[in-house]
Amino acid sequence: MSRKVTKAELIDALHERSSLNRKDIHALIDGLFDEIKKSILSEKAVELRGFGTFEVRVRKGRKRARNPKTGEPVSVSDHGVAVFRPGRELKLEAWKIGSDGDDGSA
């Protein structure tokens, strides 16, 4: 399983690559995330060329769903789901992970 990268680690990495201080980078990243969130919640897709697209899709409700924890039947209404679709470049690069000559036996 892959390790997670935190926002603090992203800020540190950007700080090492630029002349901006951590506080300015933190404010910039928070502002970017807020704008992405605000856009997708107002039902607009956010397209970042070469990276991917963030959007909200409406998932159809079901009358006969089941609570996976209790097994109890429940009704689920239509609801929004945040999704990310990777761009072509990201998808192609991600496809290469794990395929560096390994035959899959470990």
N, C-alpha and C. Protein backbone atom coordinates (compact mmCIF):
# COMPACT_ATOMS: atom_id res chain seq x y z
N MET A 1 0.85 -1.18 0.00
CA MET A 1 0.00 0.00 0.00
C MET A 1 0.89 1.24 0.00
N SER A 2 0.47 2.26 -0.74
CA SER A 2 1.30 3.45 -0.85
C SER A 2 1.13 4.36 0.35
N ARG A 3 2.17 5.13 0.62
CA ARG A 3 2.18 6.06 1.73
C ARG A 3 1.48 7.35 1.32
N LYS A 4 0.84 8.00 2.27
CA LYS A 4 0.14 9.25 2.01
C LYS A 4 1.13 10.42 2.08
N VAL A 5 0.86 11.45 1.30
CA VAL A 5 1.61 12.70 1.36
C VAL A 5 0.67 13.74 1.95
N THR A 6 1.11 14.41 3.00
CA THR A 6 0.26 15.39 3.67
C THR A 6 0.42 16.77 3.02
N LYS A 7 -0.52 17.66 3.35
CA LYS A 7 -0.44 19.03 2.86
C LYS A 7 0.84 19.70 3.36
N ALA A 8 1.23 19.42 4.59
CA ALA A 8 2.47 20.00 5.14
C ALA A 8 3.69 19.55 4.34
N GLU A 9 3.70 18.29 3.91
CA GLU A 9 4.82 17.80 3.10
C GLU A 9 4.83 18.46 1.72
N LEU A 10 3.65 18.70 1.15
CA LEU A 10 3.59 19.42 -0.12
C LEU A 10 4.12 20.84 0.03
N ILE A 11 3.75 21.49 1.13
CA ILE A 11 4.22 22.85 1.39
C ILE A 11 5.74 22.87 1.52
N ASP A 12 6.31 21.90 2.26
CA ASP A 12 7.76 21.83 2.41
C ASP A 12 8.45 21.61 1.07
N ALA A 13 7.89 20.73 0.23
CA ALA A 13 8.49 20.46 -1.08
C ALA A 13 8.46 21.70 -1.97
N LEU A 14 7.34 22.44 -1.94
CA LEU A 14 7.26 23.66 -2.73
C LEU A 14 8.18 24.75 -2.18
N HIS A 15 8.34 24.78 -0.87
CA HIS A 15 9.24 25.76 -0.24
C HIS A 15 10.69 25.53 -0.68
N GLU A 16 11.09 24.28 -0.79
CA GLU A 16 12.45 23.95 -1.23
C GLU A 16 12.69 24.34 -2.68
N ARG A 17 11.62 24.34 -3.50
CA ARG A 17 11.75 24.62 -4.93
C ARG A 17 11.53 26.08 -5.29
N SER A 18 11.14 26.91 -4.33
CA SER A 18 10.83 28.29 -4.65
C SER A 18 11.44 29.23 -3.62
N SER A 19 11.28 30.52 -3.90
CA SER A 19 11.79 31.53 -2.96
C SER A 19 10.69 32.04 -2.03
N LEU A 20 9.49 31.47 -2.13
CA LEU A 20 8.39 31.87 -1.26
C LEU A 20 8.54 31.25 0.13
N ASN A 21 8.02 31.95 1.15
CA ASN A 21 8.08 31.37 2.48
C ASN A 21 6.91 30.41 2.70
N ARG A 22 7.01 29.60 3.73
CA ARG A 22 5.99 28.56 3.99
C ARG A 22 4.59 29.14 4.20
N LYS A 23 4.53 30.27 4.88
CA LYS A 23 3.23 30.88 5.16
C LYS A 23 2.52 31.29 3.87
N ASP A 24 3.25 31.86 2.91
CA ASP A 24 2.66 32.26 1.63
C ASP A 24 2.23 31.04 0.82
N ILE A 25 3.05 30.00 0.82
CA ILE A 25 2.72 28.77 0.11
C ILE A 25 1.48 28.13 0.72
N HIS A 26 1.41 28.11 2.06
CA HIS A 26 0.25 27.54 2.75
C HIS A 26 -1.02 28.29 2.36
N ALA A 27 -0.95 29.62 2.34
CA ALA A 27 -2.12 30.43 1.97
C ALA A 27 -2.51 30.18 0.51
N LEU A 28 -1.52 30.01 -0.36
CA LEU A 28 -1.79 29.76 -1.77
C LEU A 28 -2.48 28.40 -1.97
N ILE A 29 -1.96 27.38 -1.31
CA ILE A 29 -2.55 26.04 -1.43
C ILE A 29 -3.96 26.02 -0.85
N ASP A 30 -4.15 26.63 0.33
CA ASP A 30 -5.49 26.70 0.91
C ASP A 30 -6.45 27.42 -0.03
N GLY A 31 -5.99 28.50 -0.65
CA GLY A 31 -6.83 29.24 -1.59
C GLY A 31 -7.18 28.41 -2.81
N LEU A 32 -6.22 27.64 -3.32
CA LEU A 32 -6.47 26.78 -4.47
C LEU A 32 -7.51 25.72 -4.13
N PHE A 33 -7.34 25.05 -2.98
CA PHE A 33 -8.30 24.03 -2.57
C PHE A 33 -9.69 24.62 -2.36
N ASP A 34 -9.76 25.81 -1.76
CA ASP A 34 -11.05 26.47 -1.54
C ASP A 34 -11.74 26.78 -2.87
N GLU A 35 -10.98 27.26 -3.85
CA GLU A 35 -11.56 27.58 -5.16
C GLU A 35 -12.04 26.32 -5.88
N ILE A 36 -11.27 25.24 -5.80
CA ILE A 36 -11.69 23.97 -6.42
C ILE A 36 -12.97 23.50 -5.75
N LYS A 37 -12.99 23.52 -4.41
CA LYS A 37 -14.17 23.07 -3.67
C LYS A 37 -15.40 23.91 -4.01
N LYS A 38 -15.23 25.23 -4.03
CA LYS A 38 -16.34 26.14 -4.33
C LYS A 38 -16.87 25.90 -5.74
N SER A 39 -15.98 25.66 -6.69
CA SER A 39 -16.40 25.43 -8.07
C SER A 39 -17.17 24.13 -8.23
N ILE A 40 -16.65 23.04 -7.66
CA ILE A 40 -17.35 21.77 -7.86
C ILE A 40 -18.67 21.73 -7.09
N LEU A 41 -18.75 22.44 -5.96
CA LEU A 41 -20.00 22.47 -5.22
C LEU A 41 -21.04 23.34 -5.90
N SER A 42 -20.62 24.23 -6.81
CA SER A 42 -21.58 24.99 -7.61
C SER A 42 -21.76 24.32 -8.97
N GLU A 43 -21.46 23.01 -8.98
CA GLU A 43 -21.70 22.13 -10.13
C GLU A 43 -20.94 22.53 -11.38
N LYS A 44 -19.72 23.04 -11.20
CA LYS A 44 -18.82 23.33 -12.32
C LYS A 44 -17.67 22.34 -12.24
N ALA A 45 -17.22 21.87 -13.39
CA ALA A 45 -16.05 20.99 -13.42
C ALA A 45 -14.79 21.86 -13.40
N VAL A 46 -13.76 21.39 -12.70
CA VAL A 46 -12.48 22.09 -12.66
C VAL A 46 -11.48 21.24 -13.45
N GLU A 47 -11.04 21.75 -14.59
CA GLU A 47 -10.13 21.02 -15.45
C GLU A 47 -8.73 21.60 -15.34
N LEU A 48 -7.78 20.77 -14.93
CA LEU A 48 -6.38 21.16 -14.87
C LEU A 48 -5.65 20.35 -15.93
N ARG A 49 -5.39 20.96 -17.07
CA ARG A 49 -4.80 20.25 -18.22
C ARG A 49 -3.52 19.52 -17.81
N GLY A 50 -3.41 18.29 -18.25
CA GLY A 50 -2.25 17.47 -17.94
C GLY A 50 -2.35 16.79 -16.59
N PHE A 51 -3.29 17.22 -15.75
CA PHE A 51 -3.44 16.61 -14.43
C PHE A 51 -4.75 15.85 -14.33
N GLY A 52 -5.88 16.56 -14.47
CA GLY A 52 -7.16 15.88 -14.39
C GLY A 52 -8.31 16.85 -14.17
N THR A 53 -9.50 16.27 -13.95
CA THR A 53 -10.71 17.06 -13.78
C THR A 53 -11.43 16.65 -12.50
N PHE A 54 -11.82 17.66 -11.73
CA PHE A 54 -12.62 17.46 -10.51
C PHE A 54 -14.05 17.86 -10.85
N GLU A 55 -15.02 17.06 -10.42
CA GLU A 55 -16.41 17.40 -10.65
C GLU A 55 -17.31 16.65 -9.68
N VAL A 56 -18.59 17.05 -9.64
CA VAL A 56 -19.58 16.35 -8.85
C VAL A 56 -20.53 15.67 -9.81
N ARG A 57 -20.77 14.39 -9.60
CA ARG A 57 -21.75 13.64 -10.39
C ARG A 57 -22.90 13.25 -9.47
N VAL A 58 -24.09 13.20 -10.04
CA VAL A 58 -25.26 12.80 -9.25
C VAL A 58 -25.41 11.29 -9.38
N ARG A 59 -25.41 10.64 -8.24
CA ARG A 59 -25.62 9.18 -8.20
C ARG A 59 -27.08 8.92 -7.92
N LYS A 60 -27.67 8.05 -8.72
CA LYS A 60 -29.08 7.72 -8.57
C LYS A 60 -29.34 7.01 -7.26
N GLY A 61 -30.43 7.35 -6.61
CA GLY A 61 -30.82 6.69 -5.37
C GLY A 61 -31.41 5.31 -5.64
N ARG A 62 -31.52 4.55 -4.58
CA ARG A 62 -32.13 3.21 -4.68
C ARG A 62 -33.06 3.01 -3.51
N LYS A 63 -34.17 2.33 -3.78
CA LYS A 63 -35.13 2.06 -2.71
C LYS A 63 -34.69 0.88 -1.87
N ARG A 64 -33.95 -0.03 -2.46
CA ARG A 64 -33.57 -1.24 -1.75
C ARG A 64 -32.05 -1.37 -1.65
N ALA A 65 -31.43 -0.48 -0.91
CA ALA A 65 -30.00 -0.58 -0.64
C ALA A 65 -29.83 -1.31 0.70
N ARG A 66 -28.60 -1.60 1.07
CA ARG A 66 -28.35 -2.31 2.31
C ARG A 66 -27.20 -1.64 3.05
N ASN A 67 -27.39 -1.44 4.35
CA ASN A 67 -26.32 -0.91 5.19
C ASN A 67 -25.26 -2.00 5.31
N PRO A 68 -24.03 -1.75 4.82
CA PRO A 68 -23.02 -2.81 4.84
C PRO A 68 -22.58 -3.22 6.25
N LYS A 69 -22.73 -2.34 7.21
CA LYS A 69 -22.30 -2.66 8.57
C LYS A 69 -23.31 -3.55 9.29
N THR A 70 -24.60 -3.23 9.15
CA THR A 70 -25.63 -3.96 9.89
C THR A 70 -26.41 -4.95 9.02
N GLY A 71 -26.36 -4.76 7.70
CA GLY A 71 -27.13 -5.61 6.82
C GLY A 71 -28.58 -5.18 6.70
N GLU A 72 -28.95 -4.12 7.41
CA GLU A 72 -30.32 -3.63 7.42
C GLU A 72 -30.67 -2.96 6.08
N PRO A 73 -31.83 -3.25 5.52
CA PRO A 73 -32.24 -2.58 4.27
C PRO A 73 -32.53 -1.10 4.52
N VAL A 74 -32.06 -0.24 3.62
CA VAL A 74 -32.28 1.20 3.74
C VAL A 74 -32.63 1.76 2.38
N SER A 75 -33.23 2.94 2.38
CA SER A 75 -33.54 3.65 1.15
C SER A 75 -32.53 4.78 1.00
N VAL A 76 -31.97 4.94 -0.20
CA VAL A 76 -30.97 5.98 -0.45
C VAL A 76 -31.51 6.88 -1.56
N SER A 77 -31.56 8.20 -1.28
CA SER A 77 -32.05 9.14 -2.29
C SER A 77 -30.91 9.54 -3.23
N ASP A 78 -31.24 10.23 -4.32
CA ASP A 78 -30.23 10.74 -5.24
C ASP A 78 -29.27 11.64 -4.46
N HIS A 79 -27.99 11.57 -4.78
CA HIS A 79 -27.01 12.37 -4.06
C HIS A 79 -25.80 12.64 -4.93
N GLY A 80 -25.07 13.71 -4.60
CA GLY A 80 -23.87 14.06 -5.33
C GLY A 80 -22.66 13.33 -4.80
N VAL A 81 -21.73 13.03 -5.72
CA VAL A 81 -20.48 12.36 -5.36
C VAL A 81 -19.34 13.10 -6.04
N ALA A 82 -18.34 13.52 -5.27
CA ALA A 82 -17.17 14.18 -5.83
C ALA A 82 -16.30 13.14 -6.52
N VAL A 83 -15.89 13.45 -7.76
CA VAL A 83 -15.05 12.51 -8.52
C VAL A 83 -13.86 13.24 -9.10
N PHE A 84 -12.80 12.49 -9.35
CA PHE A 84 -11.61 12.99 -10.02
C PHE A 84 -11.32 12.08 -11.19
N ARG A 85 -11.17 12.66 -12.37
CA ARG A 85 -10.78 11.90 -13.55
C ARG A 85 -9.38 12.34 -13.94
N PRO A 86 -8.41 11.44 -13.92
CA PRO A 86 -7.05 11.84 -14.27
C PRO A 86 -6.95 12.22 -15.74
N GLY A 87 -6.06 13.19 -16.01
CA GLY A 87 -5.80 13.59 -17.39
C GLY A 87 -4.98 12.53 -18.11
N ARG A 88 -4.84 12.69 -19.41
CA ARG A 88 -4.16 11.68 -20.22
C ARG A 88 -2.71 11.45 -19.77
N GLU A 89 -1.97 12.54 -19.54
CA GLU A 89 -0.57 12.39 -19.14
C GLU A 89 -0.44 11.66 -17.80
N LEU A 90 -1.27 12.04 -16.82
CA LEU A 90 -1.23 11.39 -15.50
C LEU A 90 -1.63 9.93 -15.62
N LYS A 91 -2.64 9.65 -16.43
CA LYS A 91 -3.10 8.28 -16.61
C LYS A 91 -2.00 7.42 -17.23
N LEU A 92 -1.31 7.96 -18.23
CA LEU A 92 -0.24 7.20 -18.89
C LEU A 92 0.93 6.94 -17.95
N GLU A 93 1.31 7.95 -17.18
CA GLU A 93 2.42 7.77 -16.23
C GLU A 93 2.05 6.81 -15.11
N ALA A 94 0.81 6.89 -14.62
CA ALA A 94 0.37 5.99 -13.56
C ALA A 94 0.32 4.55 -14.05
N TRP A 95 0.02 4.37 -15.33
CA TRP A 95 -0.07 3.03 -15.92
C TRP A 95 1.28 2.31 -15.81
N LYS A 96 2.37 3.08 -15.85
CA LYS A 96 3.71 2.49 -15.84
C LYS A 96 4.14 2.02 -14.45
N ILE A 97 3.47 2.43 -13.40
CA ILE A 97 3.86 2.06 -12.04
C ILE A 97 3.72 0.56 -11.86
N GLY A 98 4.77 -0.06 -11.40
CA GLY A 98 4.74 -1.50 -11.13
C GLY A 98 5.04 -2.36 -12.33
N SER A 99 5.28 -1.74 -13.50
CA SER A 99 5.52 -2.54 -14.70
C SER A 99 6.97 -2.42 -15.18
N ASP A 100 7.91 -2.22 -14.26
CA ASP A 100 9.31 -2.06 -14.65
C ASP A 100 10.01 -3.43 -14.76
N GLY A 101 9.41 -4.32 -15.53
CA GLY A 101 10.02 -5.61 -15.75
C GLY A 101 9.62 -6.66 -14.75
N ASP A 102 8.84 -6.29 -13.74
CA ASP A 102 8.40 -7.27 -12.75
C ASP A 102 7.38 -8.21 -13.38
N ASP A 103 7.43 -9.46 -12.99
CA ASP A 103 6.44 -10.42 -13.50
C ASP A 103 5.27 -10.57 -12.55
N GLY A 104 5.27 -9.76 -11.47
CA GLY A 104 4.15 -9.79 -10.54
C GLY A 104 4.36 -10.73 -9.36
N SER A 105 5.39 -11.58 -9.42
CA SER A 105 5.61 -12.51 -8.30
C SER A 105 6.57 -11.88 -7.31
N ALA A 106 6.10 -11.73 -6.09
CA ALA A 106 6.94 -11.13 -5.05
C ALA A 106 6.89 -11.95 -3.80
